[in-house]
Amino acid sequence: MQNKFRIMEACTPMLMDVVRQIKVTIPDLSQKIKEAREKDGRSVQVLATSAGISTAYWYQIEQEKRQWISEETLRGIEQALGLDLGVRFDD
């Protein structure tokens, strides 16, 4: 029985996640988002929904209550506003 267990154990692949993180600091990003929203004219609720985030989260970003946001969130905001905020990752 012990040998059968070892054979099964050897055949079961072990999965491991690999995570890559790159941090980029962007001056005045919150202000740029707020100005773009105000210029856009649509409500925060409409834009946030389009970006895939909550209205509260959008306001937290604008009010600099968040120290960081994911690239996915940033790209969602850009898409909702129809603009490119110029954030690039060197890789």
PDB file of N, CA and C in Angstrom:
ATOM      1  N   MET A   1       0.818  -1.202   0.000  1.00  0.00           N
ATOM      2  CA  MET A   1       0.000   0.000   0.000  1.00  0.00           C
ATOM      3  C   MET A   1       0.859   1.262   0.000  1.00  0.00           C
ATOM      4  N   GLN A   2       1.936   1.222   0.735  1.00  0.00           N
ATOM      5  CA  GLN A   2       2.787   2.397   0.832  1.00  0.00           C
ATOM      6  C   GLN A   2       3.409   2.742  -0.535  1.00  0.00           C
ATOM      7  N   ASN A   3       3.795   1.755  -1.313  1.00  0.00           N
ATOM      8  CA  ASN A   3       4.363   1.997  -2.633  1.00  0.00           C
ATOM      9  C   ASN A   3       3.343   2.605  -3.585  1.00  0.00           C
ATOM     10  N   LYS A   4       2.082   2.140  -3.533  1.00  0.00           N
ATOM     11  CA  LYS A   4       1.031   2.709  -4.386  1.00  0.00           C
ATOM     12  C   LYS A   4       0.836   4.182  -4.080  1.00  0.00           C
ATOM     13  N   PHE A   5       0.854   4.534  -2.825  1.00  0.00           N
ATOM     14  CA  PHE A   5       0.683   5.937  -2.429  1.00  0.00           C
ATOM     15  C   PHE A   5       1.813   6.795  -2.981  1.00  0.00           C
ATOM     16  N   ARG A   6       3.006   6.322  -2.889  1.00  0.00           N
ATOM     17  CA  ARG A   6       4.154   7.087  -3.396  1.00  0.00           C
ATOM     18  C   ARG A   6       4.065   7.273  -4.906  1.00  0.00           C
ATOM     19  N   ILE A   7       3.595   6.277  -5.620  1.00  0.00           N
ATOM     20  CA  ILE A   7       3.459   6.385  -7.068  1.00  0.00           C
ATOM     21  C   ILE A   7       2.400   7.429  -7.411  1.00  0.00           C
ATOM     22  N   MET A   8       1.267   7.411  -6.727  1.00  0.00           N
ATOM     23  CA  MET A   8       0.215   8.388  -6.980  1.00  0.00           C
ATOM     24  C   MET A   8       0.710   9.790  -6.636  1.00  0.00           C
ATOM     25  N   GLU A   9       1.422   9.911  -5.566  1.00  0.00           N
ATOM     26  CA  GLU A   9       1.939  11.214  -5.147  1.00  0.00           C
ATOM     27  C   GLU A   9       2.896  11.773  -6.201  1.00  0.00           C
ATOM     28  N   ALA A  10       3.705  10.936  -6.761  1.00  0.00           N
ATOM     29  CA  ALA A  10       4.671  11.374  -7.767  1.00  0.00           C
ATOM     30  C   ALA A  10       3.978  11.818  -9.062  1.00  0.00           C
ATOM     31  N   CYS A  11       2.801  11.282  -9.356  1.00  0.00           N
ATOM     32  CA  CYS A  11       2.096  11.604 -10.581  1.00  0.00           C
ATOM     33  C   CYS A  11       1.210  12.841 -10.450  1.00  0.00           C
ATOM     34  N   THR A  12       0.935  13.279  -9.237  1.00  0.00           N
ATOM     35  CA  THR A  12       0.073  14.429  -9.020  1.00  0.00           C
ATOM     36  C   THR A  12       0.910  15.695  -9.102  1.00  0.00           C
ATOM     37  N   PRO A  13       0.644  16.538 -10.106  1.00  0.00           N
ATOM     38  CA  PRO A  13       1.465  17.750 -10.247  1.00  0.00           C
ATOM     39  C   PRO A  13       1.144  18.768  -9.142  1.00  0.00           C
ATOM     40  N   MET A  14       2.154  19.416  -8.681  1.00  0.00           N
ATOM     41  CA  MET A  14       1.990  20.474  -7.696  1.00  0.00           C
ATOM     42  C   MET A  14       1.907  21.794  -8.461  1.00  0.00           C
ATOM     43  N   LEU A  15       0.888  22.566  -8.169  1.00  0.00           N
ATOM     44  CA  LEU A  15       0.686  23.832  -8.853  1.00  0.00           C
ATOM     45  C   LEU A  15       1.196  24.980  -7.996  1.00  0.00           C
ATOM     46  N   MET A  16       1.792  25.947  -8.636  1.00  0.00           N
ATOM     47  CA  MET A  16       2.300  27.104  -7.920  1.00  0.00           C
ATOM     48  C   MET A  16       2.059  28.345  -8.766  1.00  0.00           C
ATOM     49  N   ASP A  17       1.560  29.387  -8.122  1.00  0.00           N
ATOM     50  CA  ASP A  17       1.354  30.654  -8.810  1.00  0.00           C
ATOM     51  C   ASP A  17       2.648  31.460  -8.818  1.00  0.00           C
ATOM     52  N   VAL A  18       2.850  32.188  -9.885  1.00  0.00           N
ATOM     53  CA  VAL A  18       3.959  33.124  -9.988  1.00  0.00           C
ATOM     54  C   VAL A  18       3.346  34.496 -10.211  1.00  0.00           C
ATOM     55  N   VAL A  19       3.710  35.459  -9.384  1.00  0.00           N
ATOM     56  CA  VAL A  19       3.120  36.794  -9.445  1.00  0.00           C
ATOM     57  C   VAL A  19       4.199  37.792  -9.836  1.00  0.00           C
ATOM     58  N   ARG A  20       3.841  38.679 -10.735  1.00  0.00           N
ATOM     59  CA  ARG A  20       4.764  39.729 -11.163  1.00  0.00           C
ATOM     60  C   ARG A  20       4.123  41.067 -10.847  1.00  0.00           C
ATOM     61  N   GLN A  21       4.815  41.886 -10.101  1.00  0.00           N
ATOM     62  CA  GLN A  21       4.297  43.198  -9.764  1.00  0.00           C
ATOM     63  C   GLN A  21       5.302  44.266 -10.176  1.00  0.00           C
ATOM     64  N   ILE A  22       4.770  45.319 -10.768  1.00  0.00           N
ATOM     65  CA  ILE A  22       5.596  46.462 -11.144  1.00  0.00           C
ATOM     66  C   ILE A  22       4.883  47.696 -10.621  1.00  0.00           C
ATOM     67  N   LYS A  23       5.585  48.509  -9.883  1.00  0.00           N
ATOM     68  CA  LYS A  23       4.995  49.718  -9.310  1.00  0.00           C
ATOM     69  C   LYS A  23       5.494  50.934 -10.077  1.00  0.00           C
ATOM     70  N   VAL A  24       4.553  51.789 -10.477  1.00  0.00           N
ATOM     71  CA  VAL A  24       4.888  53.029 -11.161  1.00  0.00           C
ATOM     72  C   VAL A  24       4.184  54.156 -10.417  1.00  0.00           C
ATOM     73  N   THR A  25       4.914  55.182 -10.049  1.00  0.00           N
ATOM     74  CA  THR A  25       4.331  56.325  -9.354  1.00  0.00           C
ATOM     75  C   THR A  25       4.013  57.413 -10.372  1.00  0.00           C
ATOM     76  N   ILE A  26       2.763  57.868 -10.369  1.00  0.00           N
ATOM     77  CA  ILE A  26       2.300  58.859 -11.341  1.00  0.00           C
ATOM     78  C   ILE A  26       1.845  60.106 -10.582  1.00  0.00           C
ATOM     79  N   PRO A  27       2.547  61.221 -10.737  1.00  0.00           N
ATOM     80  CA  PRO A  27       2.140  62.456 -10.061  1.00  0.00           C
ATOM     81  C   PRO A  27       0.766  62.930 -10.538  1.00  0.00           C
ATOM     82  N   ASP A  28      -0.046  63.367  -9.605  1.00  0.00           N
ATOM     83  CA  ASP A  28      -1.346  64.002  -9.887  1.00  0.00           C
ATOM     84  C   ASP A  28      -2.332  63.119 -10.648  1.00  0.00           C
ATOM     85  N   LEU A  29      -2.209  61.822 -10.553  1.00  0.00           N
ATOM     86  CA  LEU A  29      -3.110  60.935 -11.273  1.00  0.00           C
ATOM     87  C   LEU A  29      -4.554  61.123 -10.804  1.00  0.00           C
ATOM     88  N   SER A  30      -4.758  61.242  -9.508  1.00  0.00           N
ATOM     89  CA  SER A  30      -6.117  61.441  -8.981  1.00  0.00           C
ATOM     90  C   SER A  30      -6.748  62.704  -9.553  1.00  0.00           C
ATOM     91  N   GLN A  31      -5.960  63.766  -9.617  1.00  0.00           N
ATOM     92  CA  GLN A  31      -6.456  65.039 -10.149  1.00  0.00           C
ATOM     93  C   GLN A  31      -6.767  64.920 -11.637  1.00  0.00           C
ATOM     94  N   LYS A  32      -5.929  64.219 -12.375  1.00  0.00           N
ATOM     95  CA  LYS A  32      -6.167  64.024 -13.808  1.00  0.00           C
ATOM     96  C   LYS A  32      -7.472  63.260 -14.044  1.00  0.00           C
ATOM     97  N   ILE A  33      -7.717  62.253 -13.217  1.00  0.00           N
ATOM     98  CA  ILE A  33      -8.947  61.468 -13.345  1.00  0.00           C
ATOM     99  C   ILE A  33     -10.154  62.348 -13.037  1.00  0.00           C
ATOM    100  N   LYS A  34     -10.066  63.121 -11.958  1.00  0.00           N
ATOM    101  CA  LYS A  34     -11.177  63.996 -11.574  1.00  0.00           C
ATOM    102  C   LYS A  34     -11.466  65.030 -12.665  1.00  0.00           C
ATOM    103  N   GLU A  35     -10.426  65.663 -13.187  1.00  0.00           N
ATOM    104  CA  GLU A  35     -10.606  66.672 -14.232  1.00  0.00           C
ATOM    105  C   GLU A  35     -11.223  66.056 -15.490  1.00  0.00           C
ATOM    106  N   ALA A  36     -10.775  64.862 -15.843  1.00  0.00           N
ATOM    107  CA  ALA A  36     -11.321  64.186 -17.027  1.00  0.00           C
ATOM    108  C   ALA A  36     -12.792  63.833 -16.810  1.00  0.00           C
ATOM    109  N   ARG A  37     -13.131  63.393 -15.596  1.00  0.00           N
ATOM    110  CA  ARG A  37     -14.527  63.073 -15.298  1.00  0.00           C
ATOM    111  C   ARG A  37     -15.400  64.318 -15.398  1.00  0.00           C
ATOM    112  N   GLU A  38     -14.938  65.419 -14.808  1.00  0.00           N
ATOM    113  CA  GLU A  38     -15.722  66.654 -14.841  1.00  0.00           C
ATOM    114  C   GLU A  38     -15.912  67.153 -16.275  1.00  0.00           C
ATOM    115  N   LYS A  39     -14.889  67.007 -17.083  1.00  0.00           N
ATOM    116  CA  LYS A  39     -14.971  67.412 -18.488  1.00  0.00           C
ATOM    117  C   LYS A  39     -15.913  66.490 -19.265  1.00  0.00           C
ATOM    118  N   ASP A  40     -15.908  65.209 -18.905  1.00  0.00           N
ATOM    119  CA  ASP A  40     -16.743  64.217 -19.589  1.00  0.00           C
ATOM    120  C   ASP A  40     -18.228  64.524 -19.412  1.00  0.00           C
ATOM    121  N   GLY A  41     -18.621  64.922 -18.219  1.00  0.00           N
ATOM    122  CA  GLY A  41     -20.004  65.307 -17.981  1.00  0.00           C
ATOM    123  C   GLY A  41     -20.929  64.201 -17.510  1.00  0.00           C
ATOM    124  N   ARG A  42     -20.537  62.943 -17.688  1.00  0.00           N
ATOM    125  CA  ARG A  42     -21.379  61.855 -17.186  1.00  0.00           C
ATOM    126  C   ARG A  42     -21.198  61.715 -15.680  1.00  0.00           C
ATOM    127  N   SER A  43     -22.165  61.088 -15.041  1.00  0.00           N
ATOM    128  CA  SER A  43     -22.114  60.930 -13.586  1.00  0.00           C
ATOM    129  C   SER A  43     -21.023  59.934 -13.188  1.00  0.00           C
ATOM    130  N   VAL A  44     -20.580  60.060 -11.947  1.00  0.00           N
ATOM    131  CA  VAL A  44     -19.599  59.108 -11.417  1.00  0.00           C
ATOM    132  C   VAL A  44     -20.181  57.700 -11.452  1.00  0.00           C
ATOM    133  N   GLN A  45     -21.454  57.576 -11.161  1.00  0.00           N
ATOM    134  CA  GLN A  45     -22.088  56.259 -11.161  1.00  0.00           C
ATOM    135  C   GLN A  45     -21.985  55.596 -12.537  1.00  0.00           C
ATOM    136  N   VAL A  46     -22.257  56.342 -13.578  1.00  0.00           N
ATOM    137  CA  VAL A  46     -22.177  55.808 -14.946  1.00  0.00           C
ATOM    138  C   VAL A  46     -20.735  55.445 -15.294  1.00  0.00           C
ATOM    139  N   LEU A  47     -19.805  56.340 -14.995  1.00  0.00           N
ATOM    140  CA  LEU A  47     -18.401  56.087 -15.322  1.00  0.00           C
ATOM    141  C   LEU A  47     -17.836  54.922 -14.514  1.00  0.00           C
ATOM    142  N   ALA A  48     -18.135  54.890 -13.229  1.00  0.00           N
ATOM    143  CA  ALA A  48     -17.631  53.814 -12.371  1.00  0.00           C
ATOM    144  C   ALA A  48     -18.155  52.458 -12.842  1.00  0.00           C
ATOM    145  N   THR A  49     -19.422  52.400 -13.156  1.00  0.00           N
ATOM    146  CA  THR A  49     -20.006  51.150 -13.662  1.00  0.00           C
ATOM    147  C   THR A  49     -19.310  50.730 -14.945  1.00  0.00           C
ATOM    148  N   SER A  50     -19.078  51.672 -15.823  1.00  0.00           N
ATOM    149  CA  SER A  50     -18.384  51.386 -17.083  1.00  0.00           C
ATOM    150  C   SER A  50     -16.951  50.905 -16.825  1.00  0.00           C
ATOM    151  N   ALA A  51     -16.321  51.448 -15.786  1.00  0.00           N
ATOM    152  CA  ALA A  51     -14.942  51.075 -15.444  1.00  0.00           C
ATOM    153  C   ALA A  51     -14.866  49.772 -14.657  1.00  0.00           C
ATOM    154  N   GLY A  52     -16.013  49.280 -14.195  1.00  0.00           N
ATOM    155  CA  GLY A  52     -16.029  48.031 -13.437  1.00  0.00           C
ATOM    156  C   GLY A  52     -15.703  48.198 -11.966  1.00  0.00           C
ATOM    157  N   ILE A  53     -15.904  49.405 -11.437  1.00  0.00           N
ATOM    158  CA  ILE A  53     -15.652  49.660 -10.019  1.00  0.00           C
ATOM    159  C   ILE A  53     -16.872  50.340  -9.403  1.00  0.00           C
ATOM    160  N   SER A  54     -16.892  50.420  -8.088  1.00  0.00           N
ATOM    161  CA  SER A  54     -18.012  51.080  -7.421  1.00  0.00           C
ATOM    162  C   SER A  54     -17.829  52.593  -7.451  1.00  0.00           C
ATOM    163  N   THR A  55     -18.934  53.292  -7.261  1.00  0.00           N
ATOM    164  CA  THR A  55     -18.893  54.754  -7.178  1.00  0.00           C
ATOM    165  C   THR A  55     -18.011  55.185  -6.002  1.00  0.00           C
ATOM    166  N   ALA A  56     -18.143  54.498  -4.877  1.00  0.00           N
ATOM    167  CA  ALA A  56     -17.343  54.825  -3.690  1.00  0.00           C
ATOM    168  C   ALA A  56     -15.850  54.677  -3.986  1.00  0.00           C
ATOM    169  N   TYR A  57     -15.490  53.613  -4.696  1.00  0.00           N
ATOM    170  CA  TYR A  57     -14.083  53.391  -5.027  1.00  0.00           C
ATOM    171  C   TYR A  57     -13.574  54.497  -5.947  1.00  0.00           C
ATOM    172  N   TRP A  58     -14.392  54.893  -6.924  1.00  0.00           N
ATOM    173  CA  TRP A  58     -14.004  55.986  -7.832  1.00  0.00           C
ATOM    174  C   TRP A  58     -13.704  57.243  -7.022  1.00  0.00           C
ATOM    175  N   TYR A  59     -14.620  57.603  -6.111  1.00  0.00           N
ATOM    176  CA  TYR A  59     -14.408  58.800  -5.285  1.00  0.00           C
ATOM    177  C   TYR A  59     -13.158  58.672  -4.412  1.00  0.00           C
ATOM    178  N   GLN A  60     -12.900  57.483  -3.881  1.00  0.00           N
ATOM    179  CA  GLN A  60     -11.690  57.275  -3.077  1.00  0.00           C
ATOM    180  C   GLN A  60     -10.431  57.520  -3.902  1.00  0.00           C
ATOM    181  N   ILE A  61     -10.459  57.123  -5.154  1.00  0.00           N
ATOM    182  CA  ILE A  61      -9.319  57.365  -6.045  1.00  0.00           C
ATOM    183  C   ILE A  61      -9.145  58.867  -6.266  1.00  0.00           C
ATOM    184  N   GLU A  62     -10.238  59.557  -6.608  1.00  0.00           N
ATOM    185  CA  GLU A  62     -10.175  61.000  -6.853  1.00  0.00           C
ATOM    186  C   GLU A  62      -9.723  61.779  -5.616  1.00  0.00           C
ATOM    187  N   GLN A  63     -10.127  61.340  -4.442  1.00  0.00           N
ATOM    188  CA  GLN A  63      -9.815  62.046  -3.200  1.00  0.00           C
ATOM    189  C   GLN A  63      -8.497  61.586  -2.576  1.00  0.00           C
ATOM    190  N   GLU A  64      -7.748  60.775  -3.324  1.00  0.00           N
ATOM    191  CA  GLU A  64      -6.443  60.271  -2.896  1.00  0.00           C
ATOM    192  C   GLU A  64      -6.512  59.506  -1.579  1.00  0.00           C
ATOM    193  N   LYS A  65      -7.605  58.789  -1.396  1.00  0.00           N
ATOM    194  CA  LYS A  65      -7.752  57.937  -0.212  1.00  0.00           C
ATOM    195  C   LYS A  65      -7.213  56.536  -0.479  1.00  0.00           C
ATOM    196  N   ARG A  66      -6.793  56.294  -1.690  1.00  0.00           N
ATOM    197  CA  ARG A  66      -6.159  55.030  -2.083  1.00  0.00           C
ATOM    198  C   ARG A  66      -4.694  55.312  -2.370  1.00  0.00           C
ATOM    199  N   GLN A  67      -3.813  54.493  -1.823  1.00  0.00           N
ATOM    200  CA  GLN A  67      -2.384  54.678  -2.079  1.00  0.00           C
ATOM    201  C   GLN A  67      -1.972  54.046  -3.396  1.00  0.00           C
ATOM    202  N   TRP A  68      -2.751  53.108  -3.872  1.00  0.00           N
ATOM    203  CA  TRP A  68      -2.450  52.460  -5.148  1.00  0.00           C
ATOM    204  C   TRP A  68      -3.735  51.908  -5.748  1.00  0.00           C
ATOM    205  N   ILE A  69      -3.715  51.736  -7.059  1.00  0.00           N
ATOM    206  CA  ILE A  69      -4.789  51.049  -7.773  1.00  0.00           C
ATOM    207  C   ILE A  69      -4.139  50.050  -8.718  1.00  0.00           C
ATOM    208  N   SER A  70      -4.892  49.046  -9.092  1.00  0.00           N
ATOM    209  CA  SER A  70      -4.350  48.043 -10.014  1.00  0.00           C
ATOM    210  C   SER A  70      -4.324  48.609 -11.431  1.00  0.00           C
ATOM    211  N   GLU A  71      -3.497  48.003 -12.256  1.00  0.00           N
ATOM    212  CA  GLU A  71      -3.477  48.403 -13.664  1.00  0.00           C
ATOM    213  C   GLU A  71      -4.840  48.143 -14.300  1.00  0.00           C
ATOM    214  N   GLU A  72      -5.483  47.059 -13.913  1.00  0.00           N
ATOM    215  CA  GLU A  72      -6.810  46.739 -14.441  1.00  0.00           C
ATOM    216  C   GLU A  72      -7.810  47.858 -14.129  1.00  0.00           C
ATOM    217  N   THR A  73      -7.766  48.382 -12.900  1.00  0.00           N
ATOM    218  CA  THR A  73      -8.652  49.484 -12.528  1.00  0.00           C
ATOM    219  C   THR A  73      -8.327  50.730 -13.337  1.00  0.00           C
ATOM    220  N   LEU A  74      -7.052  51.043 -13.457  1.00  0.00           N
ATOM    221  CA  LEU A  74      -6.635  52.205 -14.241  1.00  0.00           C
ATOM    222  C   LEU A  74      -7.117  52.099 -15.685  1.00  0.00           C
ATOM    223  N   ARG A  75      -6.919  50.940 -16.291  1.00  0.00           N
ATOM    224  CA  ARG A  75      -7.330  50.765 -17.694  1.00  0.00           C
ATOM    225  C   ARG A  75      -8.852  50.852 -17.830  1.00  0.00           C
ATOM    226  N   GLY A  76      -9.586  50.371 -16.832  1.00  0.00           N
ATOM    227  CA  GLY A  76     -11.035  50.499 -16.841  1.00  0.00           C
ATOM    228  C   GLY A  76     -11.475  51.955 -16.788  1.00  0.00           C
ATOM    229  N   ILE A  77     -10.796  52.740 -15.959  1.00  0.00           N
ATOM    230  CA  ILE A  77     -11.087  54.176 -15.855  1.00  0.00           C
ATOM    231  C   ILE A  77     -10.771  54.861 -17.186  1.00  0.00           C
ATOM    232  N   GLU A  78      -9.627  54.540 -17.754  1.00  0.00           N
ATOM    233  CA  GLU A  78      -9.262  55.118 -19.050  1.00  0.00           C
ATOM    234  C   GLU A  78     -10.303  54.779 -20.114  1.00  0.00           C
ATOM    235  N   GLN A  79     -10.731  53.540 -20.139  1.00  0.00           N
ATOM    236  CA  GLN A  79     -11.714  53.121 -21.138  1.00  0.00           C
ATOM    237  C   GLN A  79     -13.039  53.843 -20.918  1.00  0.00           C
ATOM    238  N   ALA A  80     -13.465  53.953 -19.660  1.00  0.00           N
ATOM    239  CA  ALA A  80     -14.728  54.634 -19.364  1.00  0.00           C
ATOM    240  C   ALA A  80     -14.680  56.095 -19.798  1.00  0.00           C
ATOM    241  N   LEU A  81     -13.528  56.734 -19.590  1.00  0.00           N
ATOM    242  CA  LEU A  81     -13.374  58.146 -19.942  1.00  0.00           C
ATOM    243  C   LEU A  81     -12.971  58.351 -21.403  1.00  0.00           C
ATOM    244  N   GLY A  82     -12.595  57.284 -22.087  1.00  0.00           N
ATOM    245  CA  GLY A  82     -12.191  57.387 -23.480  1.00  0.00           C
ATOM    246  C   GLY A  82     -10.890  58.135 -23.660  1.00  0.00           C
ATOM    247  N   LEU A  83      -9.939  57.900 -22.744  1.00  0.00           N
ATOM    248  CA  LEU A  83      -8.653  58.587 -22.849  1.00  0.00           C
ATOM    249  C   LEU A  83      -7.520  57.701 -22.363  1.00  0.00           C
ATOM    250  N   ASP A  84      -6.322  58.145 -22.638  1.00  0.00           N
ATOM    251  CA  ASP A  84      -5.095  57.470 -22.204  1.00  0.00           C
ATOM    252  C   ASP A  84      -4.414  58.396 -21.214  1.00  0.00           C
ATOM    253  N   LEU A  85      -4.259  57.944 -19.977  1.00  0.00           N
ATOM    254  CA  LEU A  85      -3.634  58.765 -18.941  1.00  0.00           C
ATOM    255  C   LEU A  85      -2.102  58.709 -18.979  1.00  0.00           C
ATOM    256  N   GLY A  86      -1.560  57.995 -19.945  1.00  0.00           N
ATOM    257  CA  GLY A  86      -0.117  57.974 -20.160  1.00  0.00           C
ATOM    258  C   GLY A  86       0.684  57.116 -19.203  1.00  0.00           C
ATOM    259  N   VAL A  87       0.024  56.211 -18.507  1.00  0.00           N
ATOM    260  CA  VAL A  87       0.737  55.345 -17.563  1.00  0.00           C
ATOM    261  C   VAL A  87       1.325  54.160 -18.327  1.00  0.00           C
ATOM    262  N   ARG A  88       2.640  54.037 -18.266  1.00  0.00           N
ATOM    263  CA  ARG A  88       3.350  52.949 -18.954  1.00  0.00           C
ATOM    264  C   ARG A  88       4.200  52.178 -17.953  1.00  0.00           C
ATOM    265  N   PHE A  89       4.360  50.918 -18.218  1.00  0.00           N
ATOM    266  CA  PHE A  89       5.210  50.041 -17.414  1.00  0.00           C
ATOM    267  C   PHE A  89       6.380  49.612 -18.276  1.00  0.00           C
ATOM    268  N   ASP A  90       7.582  49.888 -17.831  1.00  0.00           N
ATOM    269  CA  ASP A  90       8.780  49.491 -18.570  1.00  0.00           C
ATOM    270  C   ASP A  90       9.047  48.023 -18.314  1.00  0.00           C
ATOM    271  N   ASP A  91       8.857  47.206 -19.332  1.00  0.00           N
ATOM    272  CA  ASP A  91       9.182  45.774 -19.190  1.00  0.00           C
ATOM    273  C   ASP A  91       9.484  45.140 -20.502  1.00  0.00           C
TER     274      ASP A  91
END
